[in-house]
Protein backbone atom coordinates (compact mmCIF):
# COMPACT_ATOMS: atom_id res chain seq x y z
CA MET A 1 -88.94 -4.59 -28.40
CA LYS A 2 -88.21 -8.08 -28.46
CA LYS A 3 -87.95 -10.85 -30.88
CA LEU A 4 -91.02 -12.74 -31.90
CA ALA A 5 -88.95 -16.18 -31.12
CA GLU A 6 -88.78 -14.84 -27.50
CA LEU A 7 -92.26 -15.09 -26.72
CA LYS A 8 -94.29 -17.66 -24.90
CA PRO A 9 -97.35 -19.32 -27.01
CA GLY A 10 -99.97 -17.22 -26.57
CA ASP A 11 -98.23 -14.47 -25.43
CA ARG A 12 -99.41 -10.89 -27.58
CA PHE A 13 -97.76 -8.92 -29.55
CA MET A 14 -98.35 -6.04 -31.65
CA TYR A 15 -96.59 -5.63 -35.52
CA GLY A 16 -98.24 -3.90 -38.57
CA GLY A 17 -101.02 -2.10 -36.46
CA VAL A 18 -102.31 -5.14 -34.71
CA GLU A 19 -102.36 -6.80 -32.29
CA TRP A 20 -101.35 -10.90 -32.54
CA VAL A 21 -101.51 -13.65 -30.70
CA LYS A 22 -98.44 -16.10 -30.68
CA PHE A 23 -99.11 -19.67 -31.36
CA ASP A 24 -96.08 -21.96 -32.40
CA ASP A 25 -92.40 -21.58 -33.53
CA ILE A 26 -92.34 -23.58 -36.44
CA GLY A 27 -88.99 -23.57 -38.34
CA ALA A 28 -88.08 -19.73 -39.61
CA GLY A 29 -91.74 -18.27 -38.66
CA THR A 30 -93.51 -17.97 -35.73
CA LEU A 31 -97.40 -18.92 -36.61
CA CYS A 32 -99.86 -15.77 -35.64
CA LEU A 33 -103.37 -14.61 -35.64
CA ALA A 34 -104.78 -11.96 -34.85
CA ALA A 35 -106.55 -11.34 -31.32
CA GLU A 36 -109.50 -9.59 -32.47
CA PRO A 37 -111.30 -9.65 -35.05
CA VAL A 38 -109.45 -7.07 -38.23
CA PHE A 39 -112.97 -6.20 -40.16
CA LEU A 40 -116.02 -7.62 -41.15
CA ARG A 41 -116.31 -9.34 -44.77
CA ALA A 42 -117.81 -11.86 -46.97
CA PHE A 43 -115.86 -15.10 -47.46
CA ASP A 44 -116.24 -14.64 -51.27
CA GLU A 45 -118.62 -11.82 -52.95
CA GLU A 46 -119.92 -14.81 -55.29
CA ASN A 47 -120.29 -17.67 -53.01
CA CYS A 48 -117.47 -19.37 -53.29
CA ASN A 49 -116.57 -22.13 -50.84
CA ASP A 50 -112.75 -22.71 -52.36
CA TRP A 51 -110.69 -20.31 -50.36
CA ARG A 52 -108.30 -20.57 -53.77
CA LYS A 53 -110.54 -18.26 -55.29
CA SER A 54 -111.61 -16.08 -52.32
CA SER A 55 -112.32 -12.48 -52.81
CA LEU A 56 -111.46 -12.41 -49.12
CA ARG A 57 -108.04 -14.36 -49.90
CA ARG A 58 -106.32 -11.44 -52.58
CA GLU A 59 -107.58 -7.93 -50.17
CA LEU A 60 -105.84 -9.82 -47.18
CA ASN A 61 -102.96 -10.67 -49.63
CA GLY A 62 -103.60 -7.01 -51.13
CA ALA A 63 -104.78 -4.17 -49.42
CA PHE A 64 -104.63 -5.85 -46.15
CA LEU A 65 -100.93 -6.71 -46.16
CA ASP A 66 -100.50 -3.64 -47.81
CA ALA A 67 -101.74 -1.85 -44.95
CA LEU A 68 -99.87 -4.23 -42.76
CA VAL A 69 -96.75 -2.47 -44.61
CA ALA A 70 -97.89 1.69 -44.11
CA GLU A 71 -97.92 0.35 -40.52
CA GLY A 72 -94.77 -0.36 -40.02
CA ALA A 73 -94.03 -4.73 -40.98
CA ASP A 74 -91.17 -4.93 -43.38
CA ARG A 75 -93.21 -6.91 -45.94
CA ALA A 76 -90.47 -9.64 -46.45
CA ALA A 77 -91.11 -10.74 -42.69
CA PHE A 78 -93.47 -12.84 -44.19
CA LEU A 79 -93.31 -15.95 -45.22
CA ASP A 80 -95.43 -18.42 -46.99
CA TRP A 81 -98.05 -20.16 -45.01
CA GLU A 82 -99.06 -23.74 -46.79
CA SER A 83 -102.84 -24.23 -45.67
CA ASP A 84 -104.41 -27.71 -46.20
CA LEU A 85 -108.08 -27.02 -47.48
CA THR A 86 -109.38 -30.56 -47.14
CA ALA A 87 -113.22 -30.61 -46.71
CA ASP A 88 -114.90 -30.98 -43.11
CA ASP A 89 -116.10 -33.82 -44.85
CA GLY A 90 -113.18 -35.64 -45.75
CA MET A 91 -112.93 -34.10 -49.59
CA THR A 92 -110.09 -33.00 -50.70
CA ASP A 93 -110.38 -31.71 -54.22
CA TYR A 94 -108.97 -27.41 -53.10
CA GLY A 95 -106.05 -29.18 -52.23
CA THR A 96 -103.69 -26.64 -50.58
CA ALA A 97 -103.27 -22.73 -50.45
CA THR A 98 -100.41 -20.81 -50.14
CA ASP A 99 -100.44 -17.16 -49.13
CA LYS A 100 -98.86 -14.46 -46.91
CA ILE A 101 -102.19 -13.86 -45.15
CA ALA A 102 -104.09 -16.72 -44.08
CA LEU A 103 -107.31 -18.21 -42.40
CA ARG A 104 -107.62 -20.88 -39.72
CA SER A 105 -108.00 -24.83 -41.03
CA ASP A 106 -110.78 -25.99 -38.54
CA ALA A 107 -107.37 -28.44 -37.25
CA LEU A 108 -105.36 -25.22 -36.32
CA CYS A 109 -108.10 -23.89 -34.99
CA ARG A 110 -109.09 -27.16 -32.85
CA LYS A 111 -105.12 -27.35 -32.21
CA TYR A 112 -104.46 -23.77 -30.91
CA ARG A 113 -108.27 -23.25 -29.37
CA GLU A 114 -106.37 -23.15 -25.74
CA ILE A 115 -104.44 -20.59 -26.34
CA THR A 116 -106.96 -18.82 -28.62
CA PRO A 117 -108.07 -15.21 -26.89
CA PRO A 118 -112.22 -15.62 -27.56
CA VAL A 119 -114.07 -13.07 -29.36
CA ASP A 120 -117.46 -11.68 -29.79
CA GLU A 121 -117.77 -12.19 -33.70
CA TRP A 122 -118.55 -14.97 -35.22
CA CYS A 123 -114.68 -15.41 -37.40
CA TRP A 124 -114.45 -17.55 -40.76
CA ASN A 125 -111.51 -20.06 -41.00
CA LEU A 126 -110.80 -21.62 -44.69
CA THR A 127 -111.53 -24.99 -44.36
CA PRO A 128 -114.82 -25.53 -46.81
CA TRP A 129 -117.98 -28.18 -45.98
CA THR A 130 -117.59 -29.87 -48.64
CA CYS A 131 -116.26 -30.17 -52.24
CA ASP A 132 -118.94 -30.82 -53.80
CA ALA A 133 -120.64 -28.45 -56.21
CA SER A 134 -124.10 -28.97 -54.59
CA ASN A 135 -122.91 -27.84 -51.29
CA SER A 136 -120.27 -25.24 -53.24
CA GLY A 137 -120.84 -21.61 -50.98
CA SER A 138 -120.64 -23.71 -47.08
CA VAL A 139 -117.47 -22.63 -45.06
CA ARG A 140 -116.56 -23.15 -41.57
CA ASP A 141 -117.08 -20.54 -39.25
CA VAL A 142 -116.20 -20.11 -35.37
CA SER A 143 -118.82 -18.92 -33.22
CA SER A 144 -118.25 -16.31 -30.83
CA SER A 145 -118.99 -19.55 -28.33
CA GLY A 146 -116.14 -21.06 -29.92
CA ALA A 147 -117.72 -23.43 -31.44
CA LEU A 148 -117.21 -24.96 -35.08
CA THR A 149 -120.24 -24.53 -37.66
CA TRP A 150 -120.77 -22.81 -41.19
CA ASN A 151 -122.81 -20.58 -42.70
CA ASP A 152 -122.55 -19.18 -46.89
CA ALA A 153 -119.41 -18.10 -47.83
CA TYR A 154 -121.86 -14.49 -49.54
CA ILE A 155 -121.86 -13.44 -45.50
CA GLY A 156 -120.60 -10.50 -44.82
CA TYR A 157 -121.45 -9.34 -41.62
CA TRP A 158 -118.46 -12.52 -40.09
CA GLY A 159 -115.12 -11.54 -38.06
CA LEU A 160 -111.52 -12.15 -39.73
CA ARG A 161 -108.73 -13.01 -37.46
CA PRO A 162 -106.44 -13.02 -40.42
CA LEU A 163 -103.59 -15.98 -39.88
CA CYS A 164 -99.77 -15.36 -40.87
CA TYR A 165 -96.60 -17.03 -40.22
CA PRO A 166 -93.48 -14.13 -40.00
CA LYS A 167 -89.73 -14.55 -39.48
CA SER A 168 -88.83 -15.47 -36.04
CA VAL A 169 -86.31 -12.99 -35.46
CA ILE A 170 -88.22 -9.87 -36.03
CA LEU A 171 -88.88 -7.46 -33.23
CA VAL A 172 -92.45 -6.43 -32.13
CA SER A 173 -93.98 -4.54 -29.54
CA ILE A 174 -95.18 -5.71 -25.88
CA PRO A 175 -98.42 -4.01 -24.99
CA GLY A 176 -97.48 -2.59 -21.42
CA GLU A 177 -93.63 -3.55 -21.37
CA ASP A 178 -92.62 -1.30 -24.10
CA ASP A 179 -95.16 1.61 -22.69
CA GLU A 180 -92.39 1.63 -19.54
CA GLU A 181 -89.68 0.96 -22.11
CA GLU A 182 -90.57 4.58 -24.12
CA GLN A 183 -91.85 6.74 -20.34
CA ALA A 184 -87.54 5.76 -19.57
CA ALA A 185 -86.17 6.83 -23.03
CA ARG A 186 -88.43 9.87 -22.97
CA ARG A 187 -86.48 10.50 -19.50
CA GLU A 188 -83.43 10.50 -20.65
CA GLU A 189 -84.05 12.44 -23.76
CA MET A 190 -85.93 15.44 -21.30
CA LYS A 191 -83.12 14.95 -18.78
CA LEU A 192 -79.99 15.75 -22.10
CA GLU A 193 -82.50 17.83 -23.23
CA ALA A 194 -82.03 19.52 -19.54
CA VAL A 195 -78.51 19.53 -19.30
CA ASP A 196 -78.11 21.39 -22.74
CA ALA A 197 -80.07 23.98 -21.84
CA LEU A 198 -78.29 24.46 -18.04
CA MET A 199 -74.73 24.21 -20.21
CA SER A 200 -76.15 26.78 -22.45
CA ALA A 201 -77.49 28.93 -19.37
CA LEU A 202 -73.78 28.84 -17.79
CA ASN A 203 -72.01 30.20 -21.08
CA ASP A 204 -73.37 32.71 -20.29
CA TYR A 205 -71.17 33.73 -17.87
CA PRO A 206 -67.99 33.72 -16.55
CA PRO A 207 -66.36 30.30 -16.23
CA TYR A 208 -65.61 30.57 -12.74
CA LEU A 209 -69.42 31.55 -12.23
CA TRP A 210 -70.61 27.65 -12.71
CA GLY A 211 -69.88 25.91 -9.75
CA ASP A 212 -71.18 29.20 -7.47
CA ALA A 213 -73.94 28.85 -10.11
CA LEU A 214 -74.65 25.68 -10.27
CA GLY A 215 -74.47 25.03 -6.33
CA ALA A 216 -76.76 27.46 -5.48
CA VAL A 217 -79.57 25.81 -8.50
CA VAL A 218 -79.33 22.67 -6.91
CA ALA A 219 -79.71 24.19 -3.50
CA ALA A 220 -82.99 26.48 -4.61
CA LEU A 221 -83.77 23.02 -5.61
CA PHE A 222 -83.36 21.20 -2.42
CA GLN A 223 -84.93 23.88 -0.48
CA SER A 224 -88.14 23.95 -3.25
CA LYS A 225 -88.76 19.92 -2.81
CA GLN A 226 -88.04 21.13 1.24
CA ASP A 227 -90.76 23.49 1.09
CA ALA A 228 -93.63 21.26 -1.28
CA GLU A 229 -93.36 18.49 1.24
CA GLU A 230 -94.07 20.80 4.30
CA ILE A 231 -97.28 22.10 2.39
CA ALA A 232 -98.61 18.76 1.39
CA GLN A 233 -97.61 17.93 5.32
CA GLU A 234 -100.20 20.97 6.54
CA GLU A 235 -102.36 19.90 4.11
CA ALA A 236 -102.03 16.14 4.92
CA ASP A 237 -102.94 17.06 8.47
CA LYS A 238 -105.56 20.20 7.82
CA LYS A 239 -107.36 17.17 6.45
CA ALA A 240 -107.06 14.59 9.37
CA ALA A 241 -108.77 17.47 11.55
CA GLU A 242 -111.65 18.24 10.21
CA GLY A 243 -112.76 14.47 8.94
């Protein structure tokens, strides 16, 4: 486990059952993006490109956030993130939106492209194509090639890579590293269990026999190890001779 602030931009980590990639430490928090799409959804079931009214926004800040907490994340760790909803054509009618869980804007997509892991799915951004009522269903997205494009908000098979801004001081799991730590912890636990078992067995005998008994155990273990090595060597010599 490490503090999120200790990781470098581009590093991956696990939190709340989701693998994330770190973007940047900003103030008290760290901007992060899901390393892979978490599910496929429409941006808005009513085909509205205004993130403030999006059905996806409600799900991410409701059921999805609840699922992260259920997997061990601290709800209080997710700080508010303010998204700029400036449209691709420069219109600013939608203003901004503040969320615990959001999506990338086009600007963030460009800024962190170099450290964003590519994925096979097409994924939504939250930047509208325009705020003009004549095109109120067009939303920006990212193709599997990484190119920015747009599509209709009601399409239900685009990917979701949530954006979050958790506290930089939280402890997160590092894939690979934590496996080694868990194995070391398990070895230590097994060692203590073995000591308890030996002490329990020795308690059935008078203390004056404990030294002799432990000496005999060590000698037997050493002999077993030696026998196993000799058998292994014999097998290796046999295979070499047959080859």
